[in-house]
């Protein structure tokens, strides 16, 4: 084979690979992390980071361009992105990712969500009638979502179906082993009481039998007010609350004020992958949140001995 033929062959191989690369656009970093587990060769982009409120995103030109190129869009669903995803879809004008029969995937459509509501109105604040959308902290639900997402990948990119199936089987095995470890850690947290900023960790608290006794928000989506914090102070001083929990992207001022007045610690948890230095993938995200909660709960138990 002469030199020109070798070069042509290499260029053709490279061109074919580049052409075949699958583009995945995710709304939140936890689904980018899941996509990386299931489709590590894909080009994956997340519209938000763990340091952003996923309820509020601007349809920037860069996001529009990324969605225009997408073969698959993966979002939490349950109305989490209702304030910005439709605008992004309209401006991207990519018919492939506007329908869940094609390249649009809502995680919440594949599991049962918590806190579904039959009647919702604006007076209730930023609530979701389809249930709490922050479901990535449920190990069981995430495994079901991973399976459904694998099926979607196979539907859209059938030539690589064996590869996607192998990736899922690897993830399934590692996730089940890790889930047993997480369950052991969660069992030690049962009965812990916290005040939290929002219902961001609803599934984590459900998994660990932690009780969120109050919210820093007077209503979902509204920032803490001085009057509401004053009312929470009495509850915080009851003695059975372990800590105030906020996500790393949430405003710390209300939590800091309440912590200073009540002498409670503030636990800053990563809501998603990238929310702290330790959370580099889904597995380390779970490790980090459970470790941070365990540390404070153990300190609380020691203080009352």
Protein backbone atom coordinates (compact mmCIF):
# COMPACT_ATOMS: atom_id res chain seq x y z
CA UNK A 1 0.00 0.00 0.00
CA UNK A 2 1.52 3.29 -1.05
CA UNK A 3 1.68 6.40 1.16
CA UNK A 4 -1.26 8.21 -0.51
CA UNK A 5 -3.49 5.18 -0.04
CA UNK A 6 -2.56 4.90 3.63
CA UNK A 7 -3.30 8.60 4.23
CA UNK A 8 -6.62 8.33 2.40
CA UNK A 9 -7.57 5.31 4.47
CA UNK A 10 -6.74 7.09 7.75
CA UNK A 11 -8.65 10.20 6.74
CA UNK A 12 -11.67 8.15 5.70
CA UNK A 13 -11.63 6.28 9.01
CA UNK A 14 -11.37 9.53 10.96
CA UNK A 15 -14.11 11.13 8.88
CA UNK A 16 -16.44 8.19 9.34
CA UNK A 17 -15.85 8.15 13.12
CA UNK A 18 -16.46 11.89 13.42
CA UNK A 19 -19.59 11.67 11.31
CA UNK A 20 -20.88 8.80 13.40
CA UNK A 21 -20.27 10.52 16.76
CA UNK A 22 -23.51 10.82 18.67
CA UNK A 23 -24.44 14.20 20.18
CA UNK A 24 -26.22 14.20 23.54
CA UNK A 25 -27.53 17.40 25.09
CA UNK A 26 -28.56 17.16 28.74
CA UNK A 27 -30.43 19.70 30.82
CA UNK A 28 -28.67 18.86 34.09
CA UNK A 29 -25.17 17.58 34.94
CA UNK A 30 -26.46 14.41 36.63
CA UNK A 31 -27.86 13.27 33.29
CA UNK A 32 -24.65 14.20 31.51
CA UNK A 33 -22.89 11.95 34.01
CA UNK A 34 -25.37 9.15 33.37
CA UNK A 35 -25.01 9.57 29.60
CA UNK A 36 -21.24 9.32 30.01
CA UNK A 37 -21.69 6.00 31.80
CA UNK A 38 -23.90 4.60 29.05
CA UNK A 39 -22.44 6.25 25.96
CA UNK A 40 -18.83 7.17 26.78
CA UNK A 41 -17.93 7.72 23.12
CA UNK A 42 -20.70 10.26 22.57
CA UNK A 43 -20.20 14.00 22.52
CA UNK A 44 -22.06 15.09 25.68
CA UNK A 45 -23.02 18.59 26.72
CA UNK A 46 -24.88 19.82 29.82
CA UNK A 47 -26.94 23.03 29.68
CA UNK A 48 -26.41 23.67 33.39
CA UNK A 49 -23.81 23.05 36.06
CA UNK A 50 -24.29 22.01 39.67
CA UNK A 51 -23.73 25.64 40.65
CA UNK A 52 -26.86 26.79 38.80
CA UNK A 53 -30.54 26.67 39.63
CA UNK A 54 -31.90 24.20 37.06
CA UNK A 55 -35.31 25.90 37.23
CA UNK A 56 -33.96 29.10 35.71
CA UNK A 57 -31.79 29.03 32.59
CA UNK A 58 -31.50 31.53 29.76
CA UNK A 59 -31.81 30.30 26.18
CA UNK A 60 -28.36 31.59 25.23
CA UNK A 61 -27.10 31.35 21.63
CA UNK A 62 -24.50 28.78 22.71
CA UNK A 63 -27.23 26.53 24.15
CA UNK A 64 -29.34 26.94 21.03
CA UNK A 65 -26.39 25.90 18.84
CA UNK A 66 -25.71 22.83 20.99
CA UNK A 67 -29.34 21.73 20.90
CA UNK A 68 -29.47 22.26 17.15
CA UNK A 69 -26.70 19.66 16.78
CA UNK A 70 -28.18 17.17 19.25
CA UNK A 71 -29.29 13.66 18.36
CA UNK A 72 -30.71 13.16 21.84
CA UNK A 73 -31.84 15.56 24.60
CA UNK A 74 -32.02 14.18 28.15
CA UNK A 75 -33.77 16.16 30.90
CA UNK A 76 -35.26 15.47 34.33
CA UNK A 77 -38.77 16.41 33.24
CA UNK A 78 -41.71 16.71 35.65
CA UNK A 79 -41.85 20.40 34.67
CA UNK A 80 -38.37 21.19 36.07
CA UNK A 81 -37.33 22.80 32.78
CA UNK A 82 -40.76 24.15 31.81
CA UNK A 83 -39.52 27.74 32.12
CA UNK A 84 -36.76 27.45 29.50
CA UNK A 85 -36.70 24.16 27.58
CA UNK A 86 -39.65 24.94 25.23
CA UNK A 87 -38.02 28.25 24.21
CA UNK A 88 -34.73 26.48 23.59
CA UNK A 89 -36.42 23.81 21.48
CA UNK A 90 -38.24 26.42 19.42
CA UNK A 91 -35.10 28.46 18.71
CA UNK A 92 -32.97 25.40 17.98
CA UNK A 93 -35.52 24.22 15.37
CA UNK A 94 -34.29 20.63 15.65
CA UNK A 95 -37.34 18.43 15.03
CA UNK A 96 -35.40 15.36 16.18
CA UNK A 97 -35.42 16.48 19.82
CA UNK A 98 -38.94 17.87 20.21
CA UNK A 99 -40.75 14.58 20.66
CA UNK A 100 -40.20 11.77 23.15
CA UNK A 101 -40.98 9.28 20.37
CA UNK A 102 -37.75 10.50 18.75
CA UNK A 103 -34.75 12.11 20.46
CA UNK A 104 -36.28 13.68 23.56
CA UNK A 105 -36.02 11.82 26.89
CA UNK A 106 -37.60 12.88 30.17
CA UNK A 107 -36.28 10.84 33.12
CA UNK A 108 -39.40 11.43 35.21
CA UNK A 109 -41.56 9.65 32.63
CA UNK A 110 -39.83 6.36 33.42
CA UNK A 111 -40.25 6.24 37.21
CA UNK A 112 -42.83 7.14 39.81
CA UNK A 113 -42.17 10.61 41.20
CA UNK A 114 -42.84 11.68 44.78
CA UNK A 115 -45.25 14.43 45.80
CA UNK A 116 -47.48 14.50 42.73
CA UNK A 117 -50.31 17.02 43.07
CA UNK A 118 -53.72 16.97 41.42
CA UNK A 119 -54.39 20.69 41.88
CA UNK A 120 -51.74 23.39 41.53
CA UNK A 121 -52.03 27.18 41.34
CA UNK A 122 -49.60 30.09 41.50
CA UNK A 123 -50.44 30.86 45.13
CA UNK A 124 -48.62 27.66 46.09
CA UNK A 125 -45.29 28.90 44.70
CA UNK A 126 -43.04 26.99 42.30
CA UNK A 127 -44.51 23.51 42.73
CA UNK A 128 -44.66 20.70 40.20
CA UNK A 129 -47.93 18.88 39.65
CA UNK A 130 -46.07 15.94 38.09
CA UNK A 131 -44.08 15.40 41.26
CA UNK A 132 -40.66 16.32 42.60
CA UNK A 133 -38.23 16.36 39.64
CA UNK A 134 -34.98 16.04 41.64
CA UNK A 135 -35.15 12.26 41.45
CA UNK A 136 -31.48 11.50 40.77
CA UNK A 137 -30.89 10.88 44.47
CA UNK A 138 -32.98 7.72 44.39
CA UNK A 139 -30.64 4.81 43.55
CA UNK A 140 -33.50 2.57 42.49
CA UNK A 141 -35.05 5.19 40.23
CA UNK A 142 -31.71 6.08 38.65
CA UNK A 143 -31.16 2.45 37.72
CA UNK A 144 -34.59 2.32 36.05
CA UNK A 145 -33.79 5.56 34.23
CA UNK A 146 -30.44 4.15 33.09
CA UNK A 147 -32.22 1.14 31.62
CA UNK A 148 -34.78 3.30 29.82
CA UNK A 149 -32.07 5.63 28.52
CA UNK A 150 -30.14 2.65 27.17
CA UNK A 151 -33.23 1.58 25.27
CA UNK A 152 -33.52 5.11 23.86
CA UNK A 153 -29.86 5.05 22.76
CA UNK A 154 -30.40 1.72 21.03
CA UNK A 155 -33.53 3.08 19.33
CA UNK A 156 -31.63 6.08 17.94
CA UNK A 157 -28.25 4.46 17.27
CA UNK A 158 -29.00 0.82 16.57
CA UNK A 159 -25.64 0.14 14.93
CA UNK A 160 -24.06 0.42 18.38
CA UNK A 161 -26.74 -1.48 20.30
CA UNK A 162 -24.32 -4.14 21.60
CA UNK A 163 -22.00 -1.45 22.92
CA UNK A 164 -24.83 0.37 24.74
CA UNK A 165 -26.09 -2.88 26.23
CA UNK A 166 -22.61 -3.74 27.50
CA UNK A 167 -22.23 -0.28 29.02
CA UNK A 168 -25.56 -0.63 30.81
CA UNK A 169 -24.65 -4.06 32.16
CA UNK A 170 -21.39 -2.67 33.53
CA UNK A 171 -23.21 0.30 35.09
CA UNK A 172 -25.93 -1.96 36.50
CA UNK A 173 -23.35 -4.17 38.21
CA UNK A 174 -21.34 -1.31 39.70
CA UNK A 175 -24.48 0.60 40.72
CA UNK A 176 -25.96 -2.37 42.56
CA UNK A 177 -22.74 -2.92 44.51
CA UNK A 178 -22.52 0.78 45.38
CA UNK A 179 -26.22 0.92 46.31
CA UNK A 180 -25.70 -1.73 49.00
CA UNK A 181 -22.94 0.39 50.50
CA UNK A 182 -25.09 3.54 50.27
CA UNK A 183 -27.98 1.76 51.93
CA UNK A 184 -25.76 0.85 54.89
CA UNK A 185 -24.72 4.49 55.25
CA UNK A 186 -28.31 5.67 54.83
CA UNK A 187 -29.51 3.33 57.58
CA UNK A 188 -27.34 5.18 60.09
CA UNK A 189 -29.09 8.45 59.18
CA UNK A 190 -32.63 7.24 59.88
CA UNK A 191 -34.42 9.66 62.18
CA UNK A 192 -32.20 12.63 61.42
CA UNK A 193 -34.14 15.92 61.26
CA UNK A 194 -33.08 18.87 59.16
CA UNK A 195 -34.27 22.23 57.92
CA UNK A 196 -33.56 22.53 54.19
CA UNK A 197 -33.70 25.36 51.71
CA UNK A 198 -35.96 23.65 49.17
CA UNK A 199 -37.18 20.16 48.32
CA UNK A 200 -34.01 19.59 46.27
CA UNK A 201 -32.98 16.56 48.33
CA UNK A 202 -36.46 15.03 48.71
CA UNK A 203 -35.41 11.65 47.26
CA UNK A 204 -32.16 11.52 49.24
CA UNK A 205 -34.05 12.18 52.46
CA UNK A 206 -36.62 9.56 51.51
CA UNK A 207 -33.84 7.04 50.80
CA UNK A 208 -32.16 7.74 54.16
CA UNK A 209 -35.37 8.23 56.21
CA UNK A 210 -34.33 11.80 57.05
CA UNK A 211 -37.14 14.16 58.02
CA UNK A 212 -37.16 17.65 56.52
CA UNK A 213 -39.07 19.43 59.29
CA UNK A 214 -39.18 22.85 57.60
CA UNK A 215 -38.10 24.78 54.50
CA UNK A 216 -36.07 27.98 54.46
CA UNK A 217 -38.28 29.06 51.58
CA UNK A 218 -41.67 30.40 52.76
CA UNK A 219 -43.03 28.90 49.52
CA UNK A 220 -41.21 26.91 46.83
CA UNK A 221 -39.24 29.28 44.63
CA UNK A 222 -39.43 32.25 47.00
CA UNK A 223 -36.31 33.37 48.93
CA UNK A 224 -36.35 33.29 52.75
CA UNK A 225 -37.90 36.35 54.38
CA UNK A 226 -37.01 37.80 57.79
CA UNK A 227 -40.46 36.96 59.13
CA UNK A 228 -40.27 33.36 57.94
CA UNK A 229 -36.77 32.91 59.36
CA UNK A 230 -37.92 34.29 62.71
CA UNK A 231 -40.67 31.68 62.79
CA UNK A 232 -38.17 28.94 61.91
CA UNK A 233 -35.87 30.00 64.75
CA UNK A 234 -38.25 28.68 67.39
CA UNK A 235 -38.40 25.32 65.60
CA UNK A 236 -34.62 25.26 65.13
CA UNK A 237 -34.13 25.65 68.88
CA UNK A 238 -36.28 22.64 69.73
CA UNK A 239 -33.19 20.53 70.10
CA UNK A 240 -34.05 17.69 67.76
CA UNK A 241 -32.90 19.36 64.54
CA UNK A 242 -29.40 18.31 63.47
CA UNK A 243 -28.55 20.83 60.78
CA UNK A 244 -29.63 23.26 58.10
CA UNK A 245 -29.14 21.80 54.62
CA UNK A 246 -28.64 23.82 51.45
CA UNK A 247 -27.40 22.96 47.98
CA UNK A 248 -24.11 24.42 46.86
CA UNK A 249 -25.77 26.75 44.35
CA UNK A 250 -28.36 28.16 46.77
CA UNK A 251 -28.06 31.50 48.56
CA UNK A 252 -26.43 30.93 51.96
CA UNK A 253 -27.59 34.14 53.69
CA UNK A 254 -30.82 32.82 55.20
CA UNK A 255 -29.15 29.59 56.35
CA UNK A 256 -26.23 31.51 57.85
CA UNK A 257 -28.54 33.84 59.80
CA UNK A 258 -30.56 30.95 61.18
CA UNK A 259 -27.42 28.97 62.01
CA UNK A 260 -25.93 31.85 63.98
CA UNK A 261 -29.13 32.37 65.97
CA UNK A 262 -29.82 28.69 66.62
CA UNK A 263 -26.26 27.35 66.89
CA UNK A 264 -27.01 24.74 64.23
CA UNK A 265 -24.43 23.75 61.59
CA UNK A 266 -25.03 24.39 57.90
CA UNK A 267 -24.40 21.44 55.59
CA UNK A 268 -23.71 22.44 51.99
CA UNK A 269 -24.49 19.45 49.76
CA UNK A 270 -23.76 19.15 46.06
CA UNK A 271 -27.06 18.92 44.22
CA UNK A 272 -25.33 17.30 41.29
CA UNK A 273 -22.05 16.16 39.83
CA UNK A 274 -19.56 19.03 40.13
CA UNK A 275 -21.27 20.56 43.16
CA UNK A 276 -18.11 20.07 45.21
CA UNK A 277 -14.60 18.79 44.57
CA UNK A 278 -15.46 15.25 45.60
CA UNK A 279 -18.44 14.81 43.25
CA UNK A 280 -16.85 13.94 39.94
CA UNK A 281 -19.43 11.36 38.82
CA UNK A 282 -22.69 9.86 40.03
CA UNK A 283 -20.98 7.39 42.34
CA UNK A 284 -18.83 9.98 44.10
CA UNK A 285 -21.84 12.31 44.29
CA UNK A 286 -23.69 9.78 46.44
CA UNK A 287 -20.54 9.08 48.47
CA UNK A 288 -20.09 12.78 49.17
CA UNK A 289 -23.64 13.65 50.26
CA UNK A 290 -23.92 10.62 52.54
CA UNK A 291 -20.51 11.31 54.07
CA UNK A 292 -21.35 14.97 54.78
CA UNK A 293 -24.68 14.09 56.39
CA UNK A 294 -23.18 11.24 58.43
CA UNK A 295 -20.43 13.48 59.76
CA UNK A 296 -22.91 16.00 61.18
CA UNK A 297 -25.37 13.40 62.46
CA UNK A 298 -22.63 11.53 64.33
CA UNK A 299 -21.45 14.81 65.86
CA UNK A 300 -25.03 15.55 66.93
CA UNK A 301 -25.41 12.14 68.58
CA UNK A 302 -22.09 12.52 70.41
CA UNK A 303 -23.13 15.94 71.71
CA UNK A 304 -26.16 14.56 73.53
CA UNK A 305 -24.43 11.60 75.18
